[in-house]
Amino acid sequence: MDNLKRKIRSYTSVSDQDLTYGLQFYKEKHFKKGEFIIKPGQFVNHFYFLEKGCVCYYTEDDLGIHVMEFFTDNTFFTDLYSYIENVPSENYVKATENCIVQMILKEDVIKSYNFSHDLERFGRISMQEAFVKIFQKTNDLKTLTNQERYIKLLDKRPDLFQRLPQYLIASYLGITPVGLSKIRKRVARK
């Protein structure tokens, strides 16, 4: 819970009383590597804080897996569209490592927002951050070359290359595993 407290306070200052009120609604759950947190067709009623571990947020079709994001230690996540619009998810969220997750029900999020302006502010800022990440990734896919996207990921999130299989990283970058291998060799020679 200490990581969650620090994370919330990184967005806004929250009194001990307000924070204690909000934290009472979180429930800890452990997910084993390979276990699904969210599946298509599921209504997403929780907002999650990944205390420890790594999860993959993706969709799947006839062409394979399309990774949209990886969430790692001390990160908030959910299937935002399903959560906000109250529609069934079309995506998967799967543990790629053993994970410790703090979960809060949507109705309890609303209770905490109604109780505290600072908790509501935290929620707004964290949602804005999630939106900006989605926008940035979409923009990167349109404007950066495959190699530029690889280098950016390597610079910003080097831990992913030790934590995840190459095919998932390739999918996240919008390239094939063979393409990723070629880029890695090219960049390593420089």
N, C-alpha and C. Protein backbone atom coordinates (compact mmCIF):
# COMPACT_ATOMS: atom_id res chain seq x y z
N MET A 1 0.81 -1.21 0.00
CA MET A 1 0.00 0.00 0.00
C MET A 1 0.85 1.27 0.00
N ASP A 2 2.07 1.18 0.51
CA ASP A 2 2.93 2.37 0.55
C ASP A 2 3.23 2.90 -0.85
N ASN A 3 3.43 1.97 -1.81
CA ASN A 3 3.68 2.40 -3.19
C ASN A 3 2.46 3.12 -3.76
N LEU A 4 1.28 2.62 -3.46
CA LEU A 4 0.04 3.24 -3.92
C LEU A 4 -0.12 4.63 -3.31
N LYS A 5 0.15 4.76 -2.02
CA LYS A 5 0.08 6.07 -1.36
C LYS A 5 1.01 7.07 -2.04
N ARG A 6 2.27 6.64 -2.26
CA ARG A 6 3.24 7.53 -2.91
C ARG A 6 2.80 7.92 -4.31
N LYS A 7 2.24 6.95 -5.03
CA LYS A 7 1.81 7.22 -6.40
C LYS A 7 0.68 8.24 -6.42
N ILE A 8 -0.30 8.06 -5.56
CA ILE A 8 -1.41 9.02 -5.51
C ILE A 8 -0.89 10.40 -5.15
N ARG A 9 0.01 10.46 -4.18
CA ARG A 9 0.55 11.76 -3.75
C ARG A 9 1.50 12.37 -4.79
N SER A 10 1.95 11.58 -5.76
CA SER A 10 2.78 12.14 -6.84
C SER A 10 1.93 12.98 -7.80
N TYR A 11 0.62 12.78 -7.77
CA TYR A 11 -0.29 13.54 -8.64
C TYR A 11 -0.80 14.80 -7.96
N THR A 12 -1.03 14.73 -6.66
CA THR A 12 -1.60 15.87 -5.93
C THR A 12 -1.38 15.65 -4.44
N SER A 13 -1.41 16.73 -3.68
CA SER A 13 -1.28 16.56 -2.23
C SER A 13 -2.65 16.15 -1.68
N VAL A 14 -2.65 15.13 -0.89
CA VAL A 14 -3.88 14.58 -0.31
C VAL A 14 -3.65 14.45 1.19
N SER A 15 -4.62 14.89 1.96
CA SER A 15 -4.49 14.77 3.42
C SER A 15 -4.49 13.30 3.81
N ASP A 16 -3.92 13.02 4.99
CA ASP A 16 -3.91 11.65 5.49
C ASP A 16 -5.33 11.11 5.62
N GLN A 17 -6.26 11.95 6.08
CA GLN A 17 -7.65 11.53 6.26
C GLN A 17 -8.27 11.14 4.92
N ASP A 18 -8.11 11.98 3.91
CA ASP A 18 -8.69 11.69 2.60
C ASP A 18 -8.05 10.46 1.98
N LEU A 19 -6.74 10.34 2.12
CA LEU A 19 -6.04 9.19 1.56
C LEU A 19 -6.48 7.90 2.23
N THR A 20 -6.61 7.92 3.55
CA THR A 20 -7.07 6.74 4.29
C THR A 20 -8.47 6.35 3.82
N TYR A 21 -9.33 7.33 3.62
CA TYR A 21 -10.67 7.04 3.14
C TYR A 21 -10.62 6.36 1.78
N GLY A 22 -9.86 6.91 0.85
CA GLY A 22 -9.78 6.34 -0.49
C GLY A 22 -9.15 4.97 -0.53
N LEU A 23 -8.11 4.77 0.26
CA LEU A 23 -7.38 3.49 0.23
C LEU A 23 -8.17 2.32 0.80
N GLN A 24 -9.17 2.61 1.65
CA GLN A 24 -9.95 1.52 2.25
C GLN A 24 -10.67 0.67 1.20
N PHE A 25 -10.88 1.23 0.01
CA PHE A 25 -11.63 0.52 -1.02
C PHE A 25 -10.77 -0.40 -1.88
N TYR A 26 -9.46 -0.25 -1.81
CA TYR A 26 -8.58 -1.08 -2.64
C TYR A 26 -8.46 -2.48 -2.06
N LYS A 27 -8.49 -3.46 -2.92
CA LYS A 27 -8.32 -4.86 -2.53
C LYS A 27 -7.13 -5.43 -3.29
N GLU A 28 -6.26 -6.13 -2.57
CA GLU A 28 -5.07 -6.71 -3.20
C GLU A 28 -5.40 -8.05 -3.83
N LYS A 29 -4.87 -8.26 -5.03
CA LYS A 29 -5.04 -9.54 -5.71
C LYS A 29 -3.73 -9.90 -6.38
N HIS A 30 -3.41 -11.18 -6.35
CA HIS A 30 -2.20 -11.68 -7.00
C HIS A 30 -2.61 -12.40 -8.28
N PHE A 31 -1.89 -12.10 -9.36
CA PHE A 31 -2.11 -12.78 -10.64
C PHE A 31 -0.83 -13.51 -11.01
N LYS A 32 -0.96 -14.74 -11.43
CA LYS A 32 0.20 -15.52 -11.86
C LYS A 32 0.52 -15.20 -13.31
N LYS A 33 1.78 -15.38 -13.67
CA LYS A 33 2.20 -15.19 -15.06
C LYS A 33 1.29 -16.00 -15.97
N GLY A 34 0.77 -15.34 -17.01
CA GLY A 34 -0.12 -16.00 -17.97
C GLY A 34 -1.59 -15.86 -17.63
N GLU A 35 -1.91 -15.36 -16.45
CA GLU A 35 -3.31 -15.21 -16.03
C GLU A 35 -3.90 -13.92 -16.60
N PHE A 36 -5.16 -14.00 -17.02
CA PHE A 36 -5.85 -12.83 -17.56
C PHE A 36 -6.43 -11.99 -16.43
N ILE A 37 -6.28 -10.68 -16.57
CA ILE A 37 -6.90 -9.73 -15.65
C ILE A 37 -8.20 -9.23 -16.29
N ILE A 38 -8.16 -9.03 -17.60
CA ILE A 38 -9.33 -8.61 -18.39
C ILE A 38 -9.35 -9.44 -19.67
N LYS A 39 -10.57 -9.85 -20.07
CA LYS A 39 -10.77 -10.58 -21.33
C LYS A 39 -11.85 -9.89 -22.15
N PRO A 40 -11.84 -10.10 -23.47
CA PRO A 40 -12.93 -9.55 -24.29
C PRO A 40 -14.29 -10.04 -23.81
N GLY A 41 -15.27 -9.15 -23.86
CA GLY A 41 -16.62 -9.47 -23.42
C GLY A 41 -16.88 -9.13 -21.97
N GLN A 42 -15.81 -8.90 -21.22
CA GLN A 42 -15.92 -8.59 -19.80
C GLN A 42 -16.21 -7.10 -19.61
N PHE A 43 -17.14 -6.78 -18.72
CA PHE A 43 -17.35 -5.39 -18.34
C PHE A 43 -16.27 -5.02 -17.34
N VAL A 44 -15.60 -3.93 -17.56
CA VAL A 44 -14.47 -3.54 -16.72
C VAL A 44 -14.98 -2.58 -15.64
N ASN A 45 -15.05 -3.09 -14.43
CA ASN A 45 -15.58 -2.32 -13.30
C ASN A 45 -14.50 -1.94 -12.29
N HIS A 46 -13.25 -2.19 -12.62
CA HIS A 46 -12.15 -1.88 -11.70
C HIS A 46 -11.13 -0.97 -12.36
N PHE A 47 -10.52 -0.18 -11.52
CA PHE A 47 -9.30 0.55 -11.88
C PHE A 47 -8.20 -0.16 -11.09
N TYR A 48 -7.05 -0.35 -11.72
CA TYR A 48 -6.00 -1.18 -11.13
C TYR A 48 -4.73 -0.37 -10.88
N PHE A 49 -4.02 -0.76 -9.83
CA PHE A 49 -2.68 -0.24 -9.57
C PHE A 49 -1.76 -1.45 -9.53
N LEU A 50 -0.80 -1.48 -10.44
CA LEU A 50 0.14 -2.59 -10.51
C LEU A 50 1.29 -2.30 -9.55
N GLU A 51 1.23 -2.94 -8.41
CA GLU A 51 2.26 -2.72 -7.40
C GLU A 51 3.59 -3.35 -7.81
N LYS A 52 3.50 -4.55 -8.37
CA LYS A 52 4.71 -5.26 -8.79
C LYS A 52 4.34 -6.20 -9.93
N GLY A 53 5.18 -6.19 -10.97
CA GLY A 53 4.97 -7.10 -12.08
C GLY A 53 4.90 -6.38 -13.40
N CYS A 54 4.42 -7.11 -14.40
CA CYS A 54 4.29 -6.58 -15.76
C CYS A 54 3.06 -7.20 -16.39
N VAL A 55 2.25 -6.37 -17.03
CA VAL A 55 1.08 -6.85 -17.75
C VAL A 55 1.09 -6.30 -19.17
N CYS A 56 0.46 -7.05 -20.05
CA CYS A 56 0.37 -6.69 -21.47
C CYS A 56 -1.09 -6.41 -21.81
N TYR A 57 -1.32 -5.26 -22.43
CA TYR A 57 -2.66 -4.83 -22.86
C TYR A 57 -2.70 -4.96 -24.37
N TYR A 58 -3.56 -5.86 -24.87
CA TYR A 58 -3.53 -6.14 -26.30
C TYR A 58 -4.89 -6.57 -26.83
N THR A 59 -4.97 -6.59 -28.15
CA THR A 59 -6.12 -7.15 -28.84
C THR A 59 -5.61 -8.26 -29.74
N GLU A 60 -6.52 -9.09 -30.21
CA GLU A 60 -6.11 -10.20 -31.06
C GLU A 60 -7.13 -10.39 -32.18
N ASP A 61 -6.63 -10.67 -33.38
CA ASP A 61 -7.50 -10.95 -34.51
C ASP A 61 -6.86 -12.04 -35.37
N ASP A 62 -7.36 -12.22 -36.59
CA ASP A 62 -6.84 -13.27 -37.47
C ASP A 62 -5.36 -13.07 -37.81
N LEU A 63 -4.88 -11.83 -37.72
CA LEU A 63 -3.48 -11.54 -38.03
C LEU A 63 -2.56 -11.72 -36.84
N GLY A 64 -3.12 -11.92 -35.66
CA GLY A 64 -2.30 -12.15 -34.48
C GLY A 64 -2.58 -11.17 -33.36
N ILE A 65 -1.59 -11.03 -32.49
CA ILE A 65 -1.66 -10.15 -31.32
C ILE A 65 -1.21 -8.75 -31.70
N HIS A 66 -1.93 -7.75 -31.20
CA HIS A 66 -1.58 -6.34 -31.42
C HIS A 66 -1.45 -5.68 -30.04
N VAL A 67 -0.22 -5.51 -29.60
CA VAL A 67 0.04 -4.97 -28.27
C VAL A 67 -0.13 -3.45 -28.29
N MET A 68 -0.95 -2.97 -27.37
CA MET A 68 -1.17 -1.52 -27.25
C MET A 68 -0.31 -0.90 -26.17
N GLU A 69 -0.07 -1.65 -25.08
CA GLU A 69 0.72 -1.07 -23.98
C GLU A 69 1.23 -2.17 -23.06
N PHE A 70 2.31 -1.85 -22.38
CA PHE A 70 2.81 -2.66 -21.29
C PHE A 70 2.73 -1.82 -20.03
N PHE A 71 2.24 -2.39 -18.96
CA PHE A 71 2.20 -1.70 -17.68
C PHE A 71 3.15 -2.44 -16.74
N THR A 72 3.95 -1.67 -16.02
CA THR A 72 4.92 -2.25 -15.10
C THR A 72 4.77 -1.63 -13.72
N ASP A 73 5.64 -2.03 -12.81
CA ASP A 73 5.59 -1.63 -11.41
C ASP A 73 5.15 -0.18 -11.21
N ASN A 74 4.26 -0.01 -10.23
CA ASN A 74 3.80 1.32 -9.79
C ASN A 74 3.08 2.11 -10.86
N THR A 75 2.20 1.42 -11.58
CA THR A 75 1.46 2.05 -12.67
C THR A 75 -0.03 1.76 -12.52
N PHE A 76 -0.86 2.76 -12.82
CA PHE A 76 -2.30 2.56 -12.89
C PHE A 76 -2.66 2.07 -14.28
N PHE A 77 -3.68 1.20 -14.35
CA PHE A 77 -4.13 0.74 -15.65
C PHE A 77 -5.57 0.25 -15.56
N THR A 78 -6.19 0.16 -16.72
CA THR A 78 -7.47 -0.50 -16.91
C THR A 78 -7.71 -0.51 -18.41
N ASP A 79 -8.79 -1.10 -18.86
CA ASP A 79 -9.23 -0.92 -20.24
C ASP A 79 -10.10 0.33 -20.18
N LEU A 80 -9.50 1.46 -20.47
CA LEU A 80 -10.11 2.76 -20.22
C LEU A 80 -11.44 2.94 -20.94
N TYR A 81 -11.52 2.53 -22.20
CA TYR A 81 -12.76 2.71 -22.95
C TYR A 81 -13.90 1.91 -22.31
N SER A 82 -13.65 0.66 -22.02
CA SER A 82 -14.68 -0.17 -21.39
C SER A 82 -15.07 0.39 -20.03
N TYR A 83 -14.08 0.81 -19.27
CA TYR A 83 -14.30 1.34 -17.92
C TYR A 83 -15.17 2.60 -17.96
N ILE A 84 -14.84 3.53 -18.84
CA ILE A 84 -15.55 4.81 -18.89
C ILE A 84 -16.93 4.67 -19.54
N GLU A 85 -16.99 3.94 -20.65
CA GLU A 85 -18.23 3.86 -21.43
C GLU A 85 -19.17 2.75 -20.95
N ASN A 86 -18.71 1.92 -20.01
CA ASN A 86 -19.53 0.82 -19.49
C ASN A 86 -20.01 -0.11 -20.60
N VAL A 87 -19.06 -0.49 -21.46
CA VAL A 87 -19.31 -1.45 -22.54
C VAL A 87 -18.35 -2.62 -22.35
N PRO A 88 -18.68 -3.78 -22.93
CA PRO A 88 -17.77 -4.92 -22.80
C PRO A 88 -16.41 -4.61 -23.43
N SER A 89 -15.38 -5.10 -22.81
CA SER A 89 -14.03 -4.92 -23.33
C SER A 89 -13.87 -5.69 -24.64
N GLU A 90 -13.04 -5.15 -25.50
CA GLU A 90 -12.66 -5.84 -26.73
C GLU A 90 -11.21 -6.29 -26.65
N ASN A 91 -10.61 -6.13 -25.48
CA ASN A 91 -9.17 -6.32 -25.32
C ASN A 91 -8.84 -7.31 -24.21
N TYR A 92 -7.57 -7.66 -24.19
CA TYR A 92 -7.02 -8.51 -23.14
C TYR A 92 -6.05 -7.69 -22.29
N VAL A 93 -6.01 -7.99 -21.02
CA VAL A 93 -4.93 -7.55 -20.14
C VAL A 93 -4.46 -8.83 -19.45
N LYS A 94 -3.19 -9.17 -19.69
CA LYS A 94 -2.65 -10.45 -19.24
C LYS A 94 -1.35 -10.23 -18.47
N ALA A 95 -1.20 -10.94 -17.37
CA ALA A 95 0.04 -10.86 -16.59
C ALA A 95 1.15 -11.56 -17.37
N THR A 96 2.24 -10.85 -17.60
CA THR A 96 3.40 -11.46 -18.25
C THR A 96 4.46 -11.84 -17.22
N GLU A 97 4.21 -11.48 -15.98
CA GLU A 97 5.00 -11.89 -14.82
C GLU A 97 4.01 -12.12 -13.69
N ASN A 98 4.44 -12.73 -12.60
CA ASN A 98 3.61 -12.76 -11.40
C ASN A 98 3.40 -11.33 -10.94
N CYS A 99 2.17 -10.98 -10.61
CA CYS A 99 1.84 -9.59 -10.31
C CYS A 99 1.11 -9.45 -8.98
N ILE A 100 1.36 -8.31 -8.35
CA ILE A 100 0.58 -7.88 -7.19
C ILE A 100 -0.17 -6.63 -7.63
N VAL A 101 -1.50 -6.71 -7.54
CA VAL A 101 -2.36 -5.64 -8.06
C VAL A 101 -3.29 -5.16 -6.95
N GLN A 102 -3.44 -3.85 -6.85
CA GLN A 102 -4.45 -3.25 -5.98
C GLN A 102 -5.62 -2.85 -6.88
N MET A 103 -6.83 -3.30 -6.54
CA MET A 103 -8.01 -3.07 -7.38
C MET A 103 -9.04 -2.25 -6.61
N ILE A 104 -9.67 -1.31 -7.35
CA ILE A 104 -10.75 -0.54 -6.74
C ILE A 104 -11.94 -0.53 -7.71
N LEU A 105 -13.12 -0.82 -7.17
CA LEU A 105 -14.35 -0.81 -7.96
C LEU A 105 -14.68 0.61 -8.41
N LYS A 106 -15.28 0.72 -9.58
CA LYS A 106 -15.68 2.01 -10.13
C LYS A 106 -16.59 2.77 -9.16
N GLU A 107 -17.55 2.09 -8.55
CA GLU A 107 -18.47 2.75 -7.62
C GLU A 107 -17.71 3.30 -6.40
N ASP A 108 -16.64 2.62 -5.99
CA ASP A 108 -15.84 3.10 -4.86
C ASP A 108 -14.93 4.26 -5.28
N VAL A 109 -14.50 4.25 -6.53
CA VAL A 109 -13.75 5.40 -7.05
C VAL A 109 -14.64 6.64 -6.95
N ILE A 110 -15.89 6.50 -7.39
CA ILE A 110 -16.83 7.64 -7.36
C ILE A 110 -17.08 8.09 -5.93
N LYS A 111 -17.22 7.14 -5.00
CA LYS A 111 -17.39 7.51 -3.59
C LYS A 111 -16.20 8.34 -3.10
N SER A 112 -14.99 7.90 -3.45
CA SER A 112 -13.80 8.63 -2.98
C SER A 112 -13.71 10.01 -3.63
N TYR A 113 -14.11 10.12 -4.90
CA TYR A 113 -14.12 11.43 -5.56
C TYR A 113 -15.12 12.36 -4.90
N ASN A 114 -16.29 11.83 -4.54
CA ASN A 114 -17.31 12.65 -3.87
C ASN A 114 -16.88 13.06 -2.46
N PHE A 115 -16.05 12.25 -1.83
CA PHE A 115 -15.58 12.53 -0.48
C PHE A 115 -14.49 13.59 -0.46
N SER A 116 -13.63 13.59 -1.49
CA SER A 116 -12.44 14.45 -1.46
C SER A 116 -12.13 15.07 -2.82
N HIS A 117 -12.05 16.38 -2.82
CA HIS A 117 -11.66 17.09 -4.04
C HIS A 117 -10.26 16.67 -4.48
N ASP A 118 -9.36 16.45 -3.54
CA ASP A 118 -7.99 16.06 -3.89
C ASP A 118 -7.95 14.66 -4.52
N LEU A 119 -8.78 13.75 -4.03
CA LEU A 119 -8.84 12.43 -4.66
C LEU A 119 -9.44 12.52 -6.06
N GLU A 120 -10.42 13.39 -6.22
CA GLU A 120 -11.00 13.60 -7.55
C GLU A 120 -9.95 14.20 -8.50
N ARG A 121 -9.16 15.12 -7.98
CA ARG A 121 -8.10 15.74 -8.79
C ARG A 121 -7.08 14.67 -9.21
N PHE A 122 -6.71 13.80 -8.29
CA PHE A 122 -5.81 12.69 -8.62
C PHE A 122 -6.39 11.86 -9.76
N GLY A 123 -7.68 11.54 -9.66
CA GLY A 123 -8.33 10.74 -10.70
C GLY A 123 -8.31 11.42 -12.05
N ARG A 124 -8.59 12.71 -12.06
CA ARG A 124 -8.59 13.47 -13.32
C ARG A 124 -7.20 13.50 -13.94
N ILE A 125 -6.20 13.78 -13.13
CA ILE A 125 -4.84 13.87 -13.65
C ILE A 125 -4.34 12.51 -14.14
N SER A 126 -4.67 11.44 -13.42
CA SER A 126 -4.23 10.11 -13.86
C SER A 126 -4.92 9.71 -15.16
N MET A 127 -6.18 10.07 -15.34
CA MET A 127 -6.90 9.79 -16.59
C MET A 127 -6.29 10.61 -17.74
N GLN A 128 -5.95 11.86 -17.47
CA GLN A 128 -5.30 12.69 -18.50
C GLN A 128 -3.97 12.07 -18.92
N GLU A 129 -3.23 11.59 -17.96
CA GLU A 129 -1.95 10.95 -18.25
C GLU A 129 -2.15 9.72 -19.15
N ALA A 130 -3.17 8.92 -18.86
CA ALA A 130 -3.46 7.75 -19.67
C ALA A 130 -3.83 8.15 -21.09
N PHE A 131 -4.63 9.20 -21.22
CA PHE A 131 -5.03 9.67 -22.55
C PHE A 131 -3.82 10.16 -23.34
N VAL A 132 -2.95 10.91 -22.70
CA VAL A 132 -1.75 11.43 -23.37
C VAL A 132 -0.87 10.28 -23.86
N LYS A 133 -0.72 9.22 -23.05
CA LYS A 133 0.08 8.07 -23.47
C LYS A 133 -0.50 7.41 -24.71
N ILE A 134 -1.82 7.26 -24.75
CA ILE A 134 -2.48 6.67 -25.92
C ILE A 134 -2.25 7.54 -27.14
N PHE A 135 -2.43 8.84 -27.00
CA PHE A 135 -2.23 9.77 -28.10
C PHE A 135 -0.78 9.73 -28.59
N GLN A 136 0.17 9.74 -27.67
CA GLN A 136 1.59 9.73 -28.03
C GLN A 136 1.96 8.47 -28.79
N LYS A 137 1.46 7.33 -28.34
CA LYS A 137 1.77 6.07 -29.04
C LYS A 137 1.19 6.09 -30.45
N THR A 138 -0.04 6.54 -30.60
CA THR A 138 -0.66 6.63 -31.92
C THR A 138 0.14 7.57 -32.82
N ASN A 139 0.54 8.69 -32.27
CA ASN A 139 1.33 9.65 -33.03
C ASN A 139 2.69 9.07 -33.43
N ASP A 140 3.34 8.36 -32.51
CA ASP A 140 4.64 7.74 -32.80
C ASP A 140 4.52 6.73 -33.94
N LEU A 141 3.44 5.95 -33.95
CA LEU A 141 3.25 4.96 -35.01
C LEU A 141 3.10 5.63 -36.37
N LYS A 142 2.54 6.84 -36.38
CA LYS A 142 2.35 7.57 -37.65
C LYS A 142 3.58 8.35 -38.09
N THR A 143 4.36 8.86 -37.13
CA THR A 143 5.41 9.83 -37.49
C THR A 143 6.84 9.32 -37.38
N LEU A 144 7.07 8.29 -36.59
CA LEU A 144 8.44 7.80 -36.39
C LEU A 144 8.69 6.55 -37.23
N THR A 145 9.92 6.38 -37.65
CA THR A 145 10.29 5.15 -38.35
C THR A 145 10.32 4.00 -37.36
N ASN A 146 10.37 2.78 -37.87
CA ASN A 146 10.47 1.61 -37.00
C ASN A 146 11.68 1.71 -36.09
N GLN A 147 12.81 2.12 -36.66
CA GLN A 147 14.03 2.24 -35.86
C GLN A 147 13.92 3.34 -34.82
N GLU A 148 13.31 4.46 -35.16
CA GLU A 148 13.13 5.55 -34.20
C GLU A 148 12.23 5.11 -33.04
N ARG A 149 11.17 4.34 -33.34
CA ARG A 149 10.30 3.84 -32.27
C ARG A 149 11.06 2.87 -31.36
N TYR A 150 11.90 2.03 -31.96
CA TYR A 150 12.70 1.08 -31.19
C TYR A 150 13.65 1.84 -30.25
N ILE A 151 14.36 2.82 -30.78
CA ILE A 151 15.33 3.58 -29.99
C ILE A 151 14.61 4.34 -28.86
N LYS A 152 13.46 4.90 -29.17
CA LYS A 152 12.69 5.62 -28.14
C LYS A 152 12.29 4.67 -27.01
N LEU A 153 11.81 3.48 -27.36
CA LEU A 153 11.44 2.50 -26.34
C LEU A 153 12.66 2.05 -25.54
N LEU A 154 13.76 1.82 -26.22
CA LEU A 154 15.00 1.41 -25.56
C LEU A 154 15.48 2.48 -24.59
N ASP A 155 15.35 3.75 -24.97
CA ASP A 155 15.76 4.86 -24.11
C ASP A 155 14.84 5.04 -22.91
N LYS A 156 13.52 4.96 -23.15
CA LYS A 156 12.55 5.26 -22.10
C LYS A 156 12.20 4.07 -21.21
N ARG A 157 12.25 2.85 -21.77
CA ARG A 157 11.81 1.68 -21.00
C ARG A 157 12.71 0.48 -21.27
N PRO A 158 14.00 0.60 -20.99
CA PRO A 158 14.93 -0.49 -21.30
C PRO A 158 14.63 -1.79 -20.57
N ASP A 159 13.97 -1.71 -19.42
CA ASP A 159 13.65 -2.91 -18.65
C ASP A 159 12.75 -3.88 -19.41
N LEU A 160 11.94 -3.35 -20.33
CA LEU A 160 11.02 -4.21 -21.08
C LEU A 160 11.75 -5.27 -21.88
N PHE A 161 12.95 -4.95 -22.33
CA PHE A 161 13.70 -5.89 -23.17
C PHE A 161 14.21 -7.09 -22.38
N GLN A 162 14.27 -6.98 -21.05
CA GLN A 162 14.64 -8.10 -20.20
C GLN A 162 13.40 -8.83 -19.67
N ARG A 163 12.27 -8.16 -19.69
CA ARG A 163 11.07 -8.70 -19.05
C ARG A 163 10.11 -9.39 -20.01
N LEU A 164 10.23 -9.12 -21.30
CA LEU A 164 9.23 -9.56 -22.25
C LEU A 164 9.83 -10.29 -23.44
N PRO A 165 9.08 -11.22 -24.04
CA PRO A 165 9.56 -11.87 -25.25
C PRO A 165 9.59 -10.89 -26.43
N GLN A 166 10.50 -11.15 -27.33
CA GLN A 166 10.72 -10.25 -28.47
C GLN A 166 9.45 -10.06 -29.31
N TYR A 167 8.64 -11.11 -29.48
CA TYR A 167 7.46 -10.98 -30.34
C TYR A 167 6.45 -9.97 -29.78
N LEU A 168 6.35 -9.85 -28.44
CA LEU A 168 5.45 -8.86 -27.85
C LEU A 168 5.98 -7.45 -28.04
N ILE A 169 7.28 -7.27 -27.88
CA ILE A 169 7.88 -5.95 -28.10
C ILE A 169 7.73 -5.56 -29.56
N ALA A 170 7.95 -6.51 -30.48
CA ALA A 170 7.78 -6.23 -31.91
C ALA A 170 6.35 -5.78 -32.20
N SER A 171 5.38 -6.48 -31.64
CA SER A 171 3.98 -6.11 -31.85
C SER A 171 3.70 -4.70 -31.32
N TYR A 172 4.22 -4.39 -30.15
CA TYR A 172 4.04 -3.05 -29.57
C TYR A 172 4.61 -1.97 -30.49
N LEU A 173 5.74 -2.28 -31.12
CA LEU A 173 6.39 -1.32 -32.01
C LEU A 173 5.75 -1.28 -33.40
N GLY A 174 4.86 -2.22 -33.67
CA GLY A 174 4.18 -2.26 -34.96
C GLY A 174 5.02 -2.89 -36.06
N ILE A 175 5.92 -3.80 -35.68
CA ILE A 175 6.79 -4.46 -36.65
C ILE A 175 6.79 -5.97 -36.39
N THR A 176 7.41 -6.72 -37.30
CA THR A 176 7.51 -8.16 -37.12
C THR A 176 8.69 -8.49 -36.21
N PRO A 177 8.71 -9.68 -35.61
CA PRO A 177 9.89 -10.08 -34.83
C PRO A 177 11.17 -10.08 -35.66
N VAL A 178 11.09 -10.46 -36.92
CA VAL A 178 12.26 -10.43 -37.80
C VAL A 178 12.73 -8.99 -38.00
N GLY A 179 11.78 -8.09 -38.21
CA GLY A 179 12.12 -6.67 -38.37
C GLY A 179 12.79 -6.12 -37.12
N LEU A 180 12.27 -6.51 -35.96
CA LEU A 180 12.88 -6.06 -34.70
C LEU A 180 14.30 -6.59 -34.57
N SER A 181 14.50 -7.84 -34.92
CA SER A 181 15.84 -8.43 -34.85
C SER A 181 16.82 -7.67 -35.74
N LYS A 182 16.40 -7.32 -36.94
CA LYS A 182 17.26 -6.57 -37.88
C LYS A 182 17.60 -5.19 -37.31
N ILE A 183 16.60 -4.52 -36.74
CA ILE A 183 16.83 -3.19 -36.16
C ILE A 183 17.80 -3.29 -34.99
N ARG A 184 17.62 -4.29 -34.14
CA ARG A 184 18.51 -4.47 -32.98
C ARG A 184 19.95 -4.66 -33.43
N LYS A 185 20.16 -5.46 -34.45
CA LYS A 185 21.51 -5.68 -34.98
C LYS A 185 22.08 -4.40 -35.56
N ARG A 186 21.27 -3.66 -36.30
CA ARG A 186 21.72 -2.41 -36.91
C ARG A 186 22.11 -1.39 -35.85
N VAL A 187 21.27 -1.24 -34.84
CA VAL A 187 21.53 -0.27 -33.78
C VAL A 187 22.73 -0.68 -32.94
N ALA A 188 22.90 -1.96 -32.72
CA ALA A 188 24.04 -2.46 -31.91
C ALA A 188 25.37 -2.19 -32.60
N ARG A 189 25.40 -2.15 -33.93
CA ARG A 189 26.63 -1.91 -34.68
C ARG A 189 27.09 -0.46 -34.63
N LYS A 190 26.17 0.43 -34.32
CA LYS A 190 26.51 1.87 -34.33
C LYS A 190 27.37 2.26 -33.15
